[in-house]
Amino acid sequence: MRSIWNGSISFGLVSIPVKLYSASESRKLDLDMLDKHDNARIRYKRVNEDTGKEVEWKDIVKGFKKDEDYIVLEKEDFENANLKKSKTIDIEEFVAEDDVAEVLYKKPYFLEPQKEGGKSYNLLRDALKKTGKLGVATFVMRQKEHLSLVGVYDKALVLHVIRFSDEIRETKDLKLPNTKVAKKEVDMAISLIEQYTTEFDPDKFKDVYNDQLMKIIESKSTGKKPKPQKFKEEPTQAKDLMAKLKASLDKKKKSKAS
């Protein structure tokens, strides 16, 4: 793996030199966009809007429009905006894992200790694991400040980039129903949840969509047109809710018994 950020992680006066690695990877099929008339590949170019000429990456800079002019920013400007945060993942406080809403999570990264950081790295890892706490930290990467949580995954420290609260939209704009739910319906739904409750094992879940899509691609490459599958989803009506819950419970009990 190739590190995407080098610096240090600190808590209190303890500083741990680390490297940051992406902890996830996309399994999405690499599909090209084509012109449907002749299957020619579509290309995107970086074009100067005044001259119409293509611009090479080395000649592209970033700028902020102020009034009618652009203020061009150099690499040093981004670093100098907050040099410490560009080099340090600074843990400012610790929180319980359950205190963080899942909707805030964005992307995980693994942290690896650099030379001479092994003992302090293990110290933070073991302390977080025993307390069940997460470190709340901020740092700058790719010209953007990130809010993050530092925790433990397997034997490694993992950093979760999370969203700032102002990045989450308000739920008040959603059209949510005011329909009353009876206590017996809630009780039965709780029973159903308990029947399906188990210890989470991510290995049980596989991305099968890509495999199925590849089968269609292979079929089409031989000239065969796959038959479309039929699927009709019908929402459960309010009057049928109890019957559906009871049938679900019975089905789960039978599957456990068999």
C-alpha atoms as a PDB file:
ATOM      1  CA  MET A   1       0.000   0.000   0.000  1.00  0.00           C
ATOM      2  CA  ARG A   2       1.056   3.561  -0.647  1.00  0.00           C
ATOM      3  CA  SER A   3       0.671   6.132   2.131  1.00  0.00           C
ATOM      4  CA  ILE A   4      -1.399   9.188   1.254  1.00  0.00           C
ATOM      5  CA  TRP A   5      -0.393  11.384   4.221  1.00  0.00           C
ATOM      6  CA  ASN A   6       2.647  11.483   6.504  1.00  0.00           C
ATOM      7  CA  GLY A   7       2.785  13.303   9.813  1.00  0.00           C
ATOM      8  CA  SER A   8       2.058  12.591  13.449  1.00  0.00           C
ATOM      9  CA  ILE A   9      -0.878  11.883  15.728  1.00  0.00           C
ATOM     10  CA  SER A  10      -0.837  13.530  19.135  1.00  0.00           C
ATOM     11  CA  PHE A  11      -2.758  13.324  22.405  1.00  0.00           C
ATOM     12  CA  GLY A  12      -1.672  15.438  25.347  1.00  0.00           C
ATOM     13  CA  LEU A  13       2.087  15.827  25.001  1.00  0.00           C
ATOM     14  CA  VAL A  14       2.505  12.417  23.321  1.00  0.00           C
ATOM     15  CA  SER A  15       3.368  12.596  19.620  1.00  0.00           C
ATOM     16  CA  ILE A  16       3.373   9.500  17.382  1.00  0.00           C
ATOM     17  CA  PRO A  17       4.838   9.673  13.863  1.00  0.00           C
ATOM     18  CA  VAL A  18       2.437   7.898  11.501  1.00  0.00           C
ATOM     19  CA  LYS A  19       1.558   7.191   7.893  1.00  0.00           C
ATOM     20  CA  LEU A  20      -2.030   7.251   6.661  1.00  0.00           C
ATOM     21  CA  TYR A  21      -3.388   4.614   4.279  1.00  0.00           C
ATOM     22  CA  SER A  22      -6.803   4.247   2.720  1.00  0.00           C
ATOM     23  CA  ALA A  23      -8.593   1.408   4.553  1.00  0.00           C
ATOM     24  CA  SER A  24     -11.187   0.746   1.868  1.00  0.00           C
ATOM     25  CA  GLU A  25     -11.262   0.193  -1.879  1.00  0.00           C
ATOM     26  CA  SER A  26     -13.952   0.350  -4.516  1.00  0.00           C
ATOM     27  CA  ARG A  27     -15.213  -2.904  -6.021  1.00  0.00           C
ATOM     28  CA  LYS A  28     -17.128  -1.086  -8.744  1.00  0.00           C
ATOM     29  CA  LEU A  29     -16.612  -2.390 -12.272  1.00  0.00           C
ATOM     30  CA  ASP A  30     -14.453  -0.163 -14.455  1.00  0.00           C
ATOM     31  CA  LEU A  31     -16.951   0.903 -17.115  1.00  0.00           C
ATOM     32  CA  ASP A  32     -16.154   3.335 -19.918  1.00  0.00           C
ATOM     33  CA  MET A  33     -18.622   5.876 -21.304  1.00  0.00           C
ATOM     34  CA  LEU A  34     -19.287   5.384 -25.024  1.00  0.00           C
ATOM     35  CA  ASP A  35     -21.094   7.125 -27.852  1.00  0.00           C
ATOM     36  CA  LYS A  36     -24.144   4.900 -28.427  1.00  0.00           C
ATOM     37  CA  HIS A  37     -23.949   5.430 -32.185  1.00  0.00           C
ATOM     38  CA  ASP A  38     -20.538   3.825 -32.746  1.00  0.00           C
ATOM     39  CA  ASN A  39     -19.277   2.711 -29.278  1.00  0.00           C
ATOM     40  CA  ALA A  40     -16.413   5.216 -29.507  1.00  0.00           C
ATOM     41  CA  ARG A  41     -15.003   6.079 -26.109  1.00  0.00           C
ATOM     42  CA  ILE A  42     -15.905   9.472 -24.629  1.00  0.00           C
ATOM     43  CA  ARG A  43     -12.909  11.557 -23.537  1.00  0.00           C
ATOM     44  CA  TYR A  44     -12.867  14.541 -21.193  1.00  0.00           C
ATOM     45  CA  LYS A  45     -10.356  17.321 -21.668  1.00  0.00           C
ATOM     46  CA  ARG A  46      -9.185  20.208 -19.505  1.00  0.00           C
ATOM     47  CA  VAL A  47      -9.860  23.157 -21.785  1.00  0.00           C
ATOM     48  CA  ASN A  48      -9.089  26.863 -21.413  1.00  0.00           C
ATOM     49  CA  GLU A  49     -12.508  28.478 -21.771  1.00  0.00           C
ATOM     50  CA  ASP A  50     -11.039  31.563 -23.482  1.00  0.00           C
ATOM     51  CA  THR A  51      -8.725  29.922 -26.041  1.00  0.00           C
ATOM     52  CA  GLY A  52     -10.431  26.542 -26.367  1.00  0.00           C
ATOM     53  CA  LYS A  53      -7.016  24.858 -26.093  1.00  0.00           C
ATOM     54  CA  GLU A  54      -6.297  21.853 -23.869  1.00  0.00           C
ATOM     55  CA  VAL A  55      -4.276  22.581 -20.705  1.00  0.00           C
ATOM     56  CA  GLU A  56      -1.723  20.179 -19.207  1.00  0.00           C
ATOM     57  CA  TRP A  57      -1.944  19.266 -15.516  1.00  0.00           C
ATOM     58  CA  LYS A  58       1.402  20.971 -14.799  1.00  0.00           C
ATOM     59  CA  ASP A  59      -0.034  24.285 -15.966  1.00  0.00           C
ATOM     60  CA  ILE A  60      -3.172  24.151 -13.822  1.00  0.00           C
ATOM     61  CA  VAL A  61      -3.346  26.168 -10.591  1.00  0.00           C
ATOM     62  CA  LYS A  62      -6.139  26.811  -8.097  1.00  0.00           C
ATOM     63  CA  GLY A  63      -7.676  30.202  -7.528  1.00  0.00           C
ATOM     64  CA  PHE A  64     -10.393  31.972  -5.559  1.00  0.00           C
ATOM     65  CA  LYS A  65     -12.578  34.497  -7.365  1.00  0.00           C
ATOM     66  CA  LYS A  66     -12.685  37.844  -5.576  1.00  0.00           C
ATOM     67  CA  ASP A  67     -14.768  40.512  -7.279  1.00  0.00           C
ATOM     68  CA  GLU A  68     -13.834  40.116 -10.954  1.00  0.00           C
ATOM     69  CA  ASP A  69     -10.305  38.732 -10.467  1.00  0.00           C
ATOM     70  CA  TYR A  70      -8.810  35.442  -9.297  1.00  0.00           C
ATOM     71  CA  ILE A  71      -6.403  35.145  -6.360  1.00  0.00           C
ATOM     72  CA  VAL A  72      -4.069  32.273  -7.305  1.00  0.00           C
ATOM     73  CA  LEU A  73      -3.036  29.998  -4.424  1.00  0.00           C
ATOM     74  CA  GLU A  74       0.305  28.188  -4.331  1.00  0.00           C
ATOM     75  CA  LYS A  75       1.062  24.908  -2.525  1.00  0.00           C
ATOM     76  CA  GLU A  76       2.747  26.853   0.286  1.00  0.00           C
ATOM     77  CA  ASP A  77      -0.388  28.936   0.842  1.00  0.00           C
ATOM     78  CA  PHE A  78      -2.430  25.843   1.657  1.00  0.00           C
ATOM     79  CA  GLU A  79       0.194  24.566   4.097  1.00  0.00           C
ATOM     80  CA  ASN A  80       0.690  27.951   5.757  1.00  0.00           C
ATOM     81  CA  ALA A  81      -3.056  28.317   6.377  1.00  0.00           C
ATOM     82  CA  ASN A  82      -2.486  25.990   9.336  1.00  0.00           C
ATOM     83  CA  LEU A  83       0.925  24.351   9.252  1.00  0.00           C
ATOM     84  CA  LYS A  84       0.311  22.330  12.427  1.00  0.00           C
ATOM     85  CA  LYS A  85      -2.914  20.781  11.135  1.00  0.00           C
ATOM     86  CA  SER A  86      -1.209  19.977   7.835  1.00  0.00           C
ATOM     87  CA  LYS A  87       1.324  17.870   9.738  1.00  0.00           C
ATOM     88  CA  THR A  88      -0.509  16.684  12.868  1.00  0.00           C
ATOM     89  CA  ILE A  89      -3.674  14.702  13.646  1.00  0.00           C
ATOM     90  CA  ASP A  90      -4.363  16.407  16.953  1.00  0.00           C
ATOM     91  CA  ILE A  91      -6.684  14.474  19.320  1.00  0.00           C
ATOM     92  CA  GLU A  92      -8.532  17.176  21.237  1.00  0.00           C
ATOM     93  CA  GLU A  93     -10.891  15.011  23.329  1.00  0.00           C
ATOM     94  CA  PHE A  94     -12.209  11.475  23.787  1.00  0.00           C
ATOM     95  CA  VAL A  95     -15.822  10.328  23.473  1.00  0.00           C
ATOM     96  CA  ALA A  96     -17.785   7.096  23.870  1.00  0.00           C
ATOM     97  CA  GLU A  97     -18.331   5.158  20.630  1.00  0.00           C
ATOM     98  CA  ASP A  98     -22.117   5.237  21.057  1.00  0.00           C
ATOM     99  CA  ASP A  99     -22.153   9.045  21.230  1.00  0.00           C
ATOM    100  CA  VAL A 100     -21.389   9.435  17.520  1.00  0.00           C
ATOM    101  CA  ALA A 101     -24.253   9.208  15.022  1.00  0.00           C
ATOM    102  CA  GLU A 102     -23.604   6.801  12.143  1.00  0.00           C
ATOM    103  CA  VAL A 103     -24.684   9.432   9.600  1.00  0.00           C
ATOM    104  CA  LEU A 104     -21.495  11.385  10.325  1.00  0.00           C
ATOM    105  CA  TYR A 105     -19.115   8.638   9.164  1.00  0.00           C
ATOM    106  CA  LYS A 106     -17.513   9.076   5.718  1.00  0.00           C
ATOM    107  CA  LYS A 107     -14.306   7.112   5.094  1.00  0.00           C
ATOM    108  CA  PRO A 108     -11.842   4.981   7.114  1.00  0.00           C
ATOM    109  CA  TYR A 109      -8.036   5.163   7.007  1.00  0.00           C
ATOM    110  CA  PHE A 110      -5.433   2.949   8.644  1.00  0.00           C
ATOM    111  CA  LEU A 111      -2.661   4.524  10.704  1.00  0.00           C
ATOM    112  CA  GLU A 112       0.784   2.907  10.690  1.00  0.00           C
ATOM    113  CA  PRO A 113       3.588   3.964  13.051  1.00  0.00           C
ATOM    114  CA  GLN A 114       6.770   5.345  11.569  1.00  0.00           C
ATOM    115  CA  LYS A 115      10.252   4.741  12.931  1.00  0.00           C
ATOM    116  CA  GLU A 116      10.516   5.055  16.726  1.00  0.00           C
ATOM    117  CA  GLY A 117       6.740   5.443  17.076  1.00  0.00           C
ATOM    118  CA  GLY A 118       5.944   1.801  17.819  1.00  0.00           C
ATOM    119  CA  LYS A 119       5.597   1.906  21.607  1.00  0.00           C
ATOM    120  CA  SER A 120       3.548   5.107  21.768  1.00  0.00           C
ATOM    121  CA  TYR A 121       1.368   3.774  18.919  1.00  0.00           C
ATOM    122  CA  ASN A 122       0.646   0.570  20.855  1.00  0.00           C
ATOM    123  CA  LEU A 123       0.024   2.608  24.013  1.00  0.00           C
ATOM    124  CA  LEU A 124      -2.725   4.658  22.353  1.00  0.00           C
ATOM    125  CA  ARG A 125      -4.192   1.595  20.626  1.00  0.00           C
ATOM    126  CA  ASP A 126      -4.386  -0.482  23.825  1.00  0.00           C
ATOM    127  CA  ALA A 127      -5.777   2.408  25.885  1.00  0.00           C
ATOM    128  CA  LEU A 128      -8.524   3.110  23.340  1.00  0.00           C
ATOM    129  CA  LYS A 129      -9.408  -0.570  23.138  1.00  0.00           C
ATOM    130  CA  LYS A 130      -9.695  -0.989  26.912  1.00  0.00           C
ATOM    131  CA  THR A 131     -11.731   2.184  27.455  1.00  0.00           C
ATOM    132  CA  GLY A 132     -13.970   1.772  24.386  1.00  0.00           C
ATOM    133  CA  LYS A 133     -13.341   5.427  23.601  1.00  0.00           C
ATOM    134  CA  LEU A 134     -12.698   7.269  20.355  1.00  0.00           C
ATOM    135  CA  GLY A 135     -10.300  10.172  19.963  1.00  0.00           C
ATOM    136  CA  VAL A 136     -11.782  13.271  18.319  1.00  0.00           C
ATOM    137  CA  ALA A 137      -9.207  14.914  16.086  1.00  0.00           C
ATOM    138  CA  THR A 138      -8.833  17.499  13.342  1.00  0.00           C
ATOM    139  CA  PHE A 139      -6.218  17.662  10.605  1.00  0.00           C
ATOM    140  CA  VAL A 140      -5.702  18.997   7.084  1.00  0.00           C
ATOM    141  CA  MET A 141      -5.307  16.748   4.038  1.00  0.00           C
ATOM    142  CA  ARG A 142      -5.622  17.657   0.350  1.00  0.00           C
ATOM    143  CA  GLN A 143      -6.280  21.319   1.127  1.00  0.00           C
ATOM    144  CA  LYS A 144      -9.271  20.559   3.345  1.00  0.00           C
ATOM    145  CA  GLU A 145      -9.718  20.378   7.090  1.00  0.00           C
ATOM    146  CA  HIS A 146     -11.197  17.115   8.303  1.00  0.00           C
ATOM    147  CA  LEU A 147     -12.969  16.191  11.507  1.00  0.00           C
ATOM    148  CA  SER A 148     -12.102  12.627  12.469  1.00  0.00           C
ATOM    149  CA  LEU A 149     -12.375   9.857  15.035  1.00  0.00           C
ATOM    150  CA  VAL A 150      -9.451   7.649  16.021  1.00  0.00           C
ATOM    151  CA  GLY A 151     -10.279   4.136  17.155  1.00  0.00           C
ATOM    152  CA  VAL A 152      -9.096   0.536  16.876  1.00  0.00           C
ATOM    153  CA  TYR A 153      -9.757  -2.042  14.167  1.00  0.00           C
ATOM    154  CA  ASP A 154      -8.166  -5.459  14.632  1.00  0.00           C
ATOM    155  CA  LYS A 155      -4.613  -4.603  15.781  1.00  0.00           C
ATOM    156  CA  ALA A 156      -4.383  -1.242  14.034  1.00  0.00           C
ATOM    157  CA  LEU A 157      -5.381   2.316  14.796  1.00  0.00           C
ATOM    158  CA  VAL A 158      -8.045   3.443  12.364  1.00  0.00           C
ATOM    159  CA  LEU A 159      -8.988   7.012  11.594  1.00  0.00           C
ATOM    160  CA  HIS A 160     -12.560   7.677  10.473  1.00  0.00           C
ATOM    161  CA  VAL A 161     -13.066  10.938   8.615  1.00  0.00           C
ATOM    162  CA  ILE A 162     -16.494  12.182   9.687  1.00  0.00           C
ATOM    163  CA  ARG A 163     -18.719  15.007   8.548  1.00  0.00           C
ATOM    164  CA  PHE A 164     -18.953  18.336  10.325  1.00  0.00           C
ATOM    165  CA  SER A 165     -22.443  18.911  11.712  1.00  0.00           C
ATOM    166  CA  ASP A 166     -23.158  21.661   9.178  1.00  0.00           C
ATOM    167  CA  GLU A 167     -22.610  19.137   6.365  1.00  0.00           C
ATOM    168  CA  ILE A 168     -25.686  17.162   7.447  1.00  0.00           C
ATOM    169  CA  ARG A 169     -28.957  18.408   6.010  1.00  0.00           C
ATOM    170  CA  GLU A 170     -31.949  19.181   8.228  1.00  0.00           C
ATOM    171  CA  THR A 171     -34.615  16.494   8.520  1.00  0.00           C
ATOM    172  CA  LYS A 172     -37.334  19.143   8.778  1.00  0.00           C
ATOM    173  CA  ASP A 173     -37.455  19.316   4.972  1.00  0.00           C
ATOM    174  CA  LEU A 174     -38.561  15.673   4.785  1.00  0.00           C
ATOM    175  CA  LYS A 175     -42.244  14.805   4.543  1.00  0.00           C
ATOM    176  CA  LEU A 176     -42.503  12.475   7.532  1.00  0.00           C
ATOM    177  CA  PRO A 177     -45.857  10.878   8.522  1.00  0.00           C
ATOM    178  CA  ASN A 178     -47.655  11.532  11.803  1.00  0.00           C
ATOM    179  CA  THR A 179     -49.380   8.137  11.805  1.00  0.00           C
ATOM    180  CA  LYS A 180     -49.847   6.674  15.301  1.00  0.00           C
ATOM    181  CA  VAL A 181     -48.450   3.180  15.923  1.00  0.00           C
ATOM    182  CA  ALA A 182     -50.115   0.899  18.462  1.00  0.00           C
ATOM    183  CA  LYS A 183     -48.087  -0.449  21.392  1.00  0.00           C
ATOM    184  CA  LYS A 184     -48.804  -4.084  20.438  1.00  0.00           C
ATOM    185  CA  GLU A 185     -47.428  -3.397  16.957  1.00  0.00           C
ATOM    186  CA  VAL A 186     -44.257  -1.904  18.431  1.00  0.00           C
ATOM    187  CA  ASP A 187     -43.894  -4.856  20.824  1.00  0.00           C
ATOM    188  CA  MET A 188     -44.206  -7.346  17.987  1.00  0.00           C
ATOM    189  CA  ALA A 189     -41.701  -5.385  15.869  1.00  0.00           C
ATOM    190  CA  ILE A 190     -39.272  -5.485  18.828  1.00  0.00           C
ATOM    191  CA  SER A 191     -39.746  -9.259  19.058  1.00  0.00           C
ATOM    192  CA  LEU A 192     -38.982  -9.568  15.359  1.00  0.00           C
ATOM    193  CA  ILE A 193     -35.826  -7.453  15.750  1.00  0.00           C
ATOM    194  CA  GLU A 194     -34.698  -9.613  18.671  1.00  0.00           C
ATOM    195  CA  GLN A 195     -35.263 -12.780  16.613  1.00  0.00           C
ATOM    196  CA  TYR A 196     -32.993 -11.403  13.889  1.00  0.00           C
ATOM    197  CA  THR A 197     -30.372 -10.023  16.263  1.00  0.00           C
ATOM    198  CA  THR A 198     -26.940 -11.653  16.060  1.00  0.00           C
ATOM    199  CA  GLU A 199     -23.290 -10.745  16.436  1.00  0.00           C
ATOM    200  CA  PHE A 200     -22.169  -8.675  13.471  1.00  0.00           C
ATOM    201  CA  ASP A 201     -19.819 -10.534  11.129  1.00  0.00           C
ATOM    202  CA  PRO A 202     -18.945  -8.549   7.977  1.00  0.00           C
ATOM    203  CA  ASP A 203     -17.534 -11.704   6.339  1.00  0.00           C
ATOM    204  CA  LYS A 204     -21.094 -13.019   5.979  1.00  0.00           C
ATOM    205  CA  PHE A 205     -21.929 -10.233   3.540  1.00  0.00           C
ATOM    206  CA  LYS A 206     -20.515 -10.254   0.011  1.00  0.00           C
ATOM    207  CA  ASP A 207     -20.840  -7.804  -2.871  1.00  0.00           C
ATOM    208  CA  VAL A 208     -22.650 -10.037  -5.369  1.00  0.00           C
ATOM    209  CA  TYR A 209     -23.892  -7.275  -7.665  1.00  0.00           C
ATOM    210  CA  ASN A 210     -20.599  -7.001  -9.560  1.00  0.00           C
ATOM    211  CA  ASP A 211     -20.476 -10.789 -10.030  1.00  0.00           C
ATOM    212  CA  GLN A 212     -24.001 -10.804 -11.415  1.00  0.00           C
ATOM    213  CA  LEU A 213     -23.193  -7.874 -13.681  1.00  0.00           C
ATOM    214  CA  MET A 214     -20.130  -9.723 -14.992  1.00  0.00           C
ATOM    215  CA  LYS A 215     -22.318 -12.725 -15.850  1.00  0.00           C
ATOM    216  CA  ILE A 216     -24.529 -10.427 -17.933  1.00  0.00           C
ATOM    217  CA  ILE A 217     -21.428  -8.970 -19.639  1.00  0.00           C
ATOM    218  CA  GLU A 218     -20.116 -12.463 -20.421  1.00  0.00           C
ATOM    219  CA  SER A 219     -23.527 -13.502 -21.754  1.00  0.00           C
ATOM    220  CA  LYS A 220     -23.817 -10.443 -23.989  1.00  0.00           C
ATOM    221  CA  SER A 221     -20.275 -10.995 -25.314  1.00  0.00           C
ATOM    222  CA  THR A 222     -21.463 -14.315 -26.779  1.00  0.00           C
ATOM    223  CA  GLY A 223     -24.459 -12.663 -28.437  1.00  0.00           C
ATOM    224  CA  LYS A 224     -27.009 -13.846 -25.878  1.00  0.00           C
ATOM    225  CA  LYS A 225     -29.487 -11.371 -24.474  1.00  0.00           C
ATOM    226  CA  PRO A 226     -30.229 -12.137 -20.809  1.00  0.00           C
ATOM    227  CA  LYS A 227     -33.861 -12.395 -19.785  1.00  0.00           C
ATOM    228  CA  PRO A 228     -34.940  -9.543 -17.494  1.00  0.00           C
ATOM    229  CA  GLN A 229     -35.928 -10.691 -14.030  1.00  0.00           C
ATOM    230  CA  LYS A 230     -39.336  -9.740 -12.700  1.00  0.00           C
ATOM    231  CA  PHE A 231     -39.686  -8.158  -9.292  1.00  0.00           C
ATOM    232  CA  LYS A 232     -42.680  -6.392  -7.832  1.00  0.00           C
ATOM    233  CA  GLU A 233     -42.478  -4.685  -4.467  1.00  0.00           C
ATOM    234  CA  GLU A 234     -45.723  -3.966  -2.679  1.00  0.00           C
ATOM    235  CA  PRO A 235     -45.778  -1.692   0.381  1.00  0.00           C
ATOM    236  CA  THR A 236     -47.413  -3.177   3.471  1.00  0.00           C
ATOM    237  CA  GLN A 237     -50.767  -1.562   4.136  1.00  0.00           C
ATOM    238  CA  ALA A 238     -51.499  -0.315   7.659  1.00  0.00           C
ATOM    239  CA  LYS A 239     -54.347  -2.811   8.083  1.00  0.00           C
ATOM    240  CA  ASP A 240     -52.001  -5.717   7.214  1.00  0.00           C
ATOM    241  CA  LEU A 241     -49.151  -4.670   9.529  1.00  0.00           C
ATOM    242  CA  MET A 242     -49.884  -7.034  12.437  1.00  0.00           C
ATOM    243  CA  ALA A 243     -50.462 -10.004  10.129  1.00  0.00           C
ATOM    244  CA  LYS A 244     -47.166  -9.370   8.323  1.00  0.00           C
ATOM    245  CA  LEU A 245     -45.270  -9.023  11.613  1.00  0.00           C
ATOM    246  CA  LYS A 246     -46.750 -12.254  12.962  1.00  0.00           C
ATOM    247  CA  ALA A 247     -45.983 -14.111   9.713  1.00  0.00           C
ATOM    248  CA  SER A 248     -42.408 -12.818   9.825  1.00  0.00           C
ATOM    249  CA  LEU A 249     -41.964 -14.046  13.391  1.00  0.00           C
ATOM    250  CA  ASP A 250     -43.406 -17.462  12.537  1.00  0.00           C
ATOM    251  CA  LYS A 251     -41.133 -17.753   9.499  1.00  0.00           C
ATOM    252  CA  LYS A 252     -38.023 -16.892  11.534  1.00  0.00           C
ATOM    253  CA  LYS A 253     -38.951 -19.377  14.300  1.00  0.00           C
ATOM    254  CA  LYS A 254     -39.425 -22.139  11.731  1.00  0.00           C
ATOM    255  CA  SER A 255     -36.053 -21.394  10.101  1.00  0.00           C
ATOM    256  CA  LYS A 256     -34.341 -21.596  13.501  1.00  0.00           C
ATOM    257  CA  ALA A 257     -36.074 -24.876  14.299  1.00  0.00           C
ATOM    258  CA  SER A 258     -35.069 -26.523  11.016  1.00  0.00           C
END
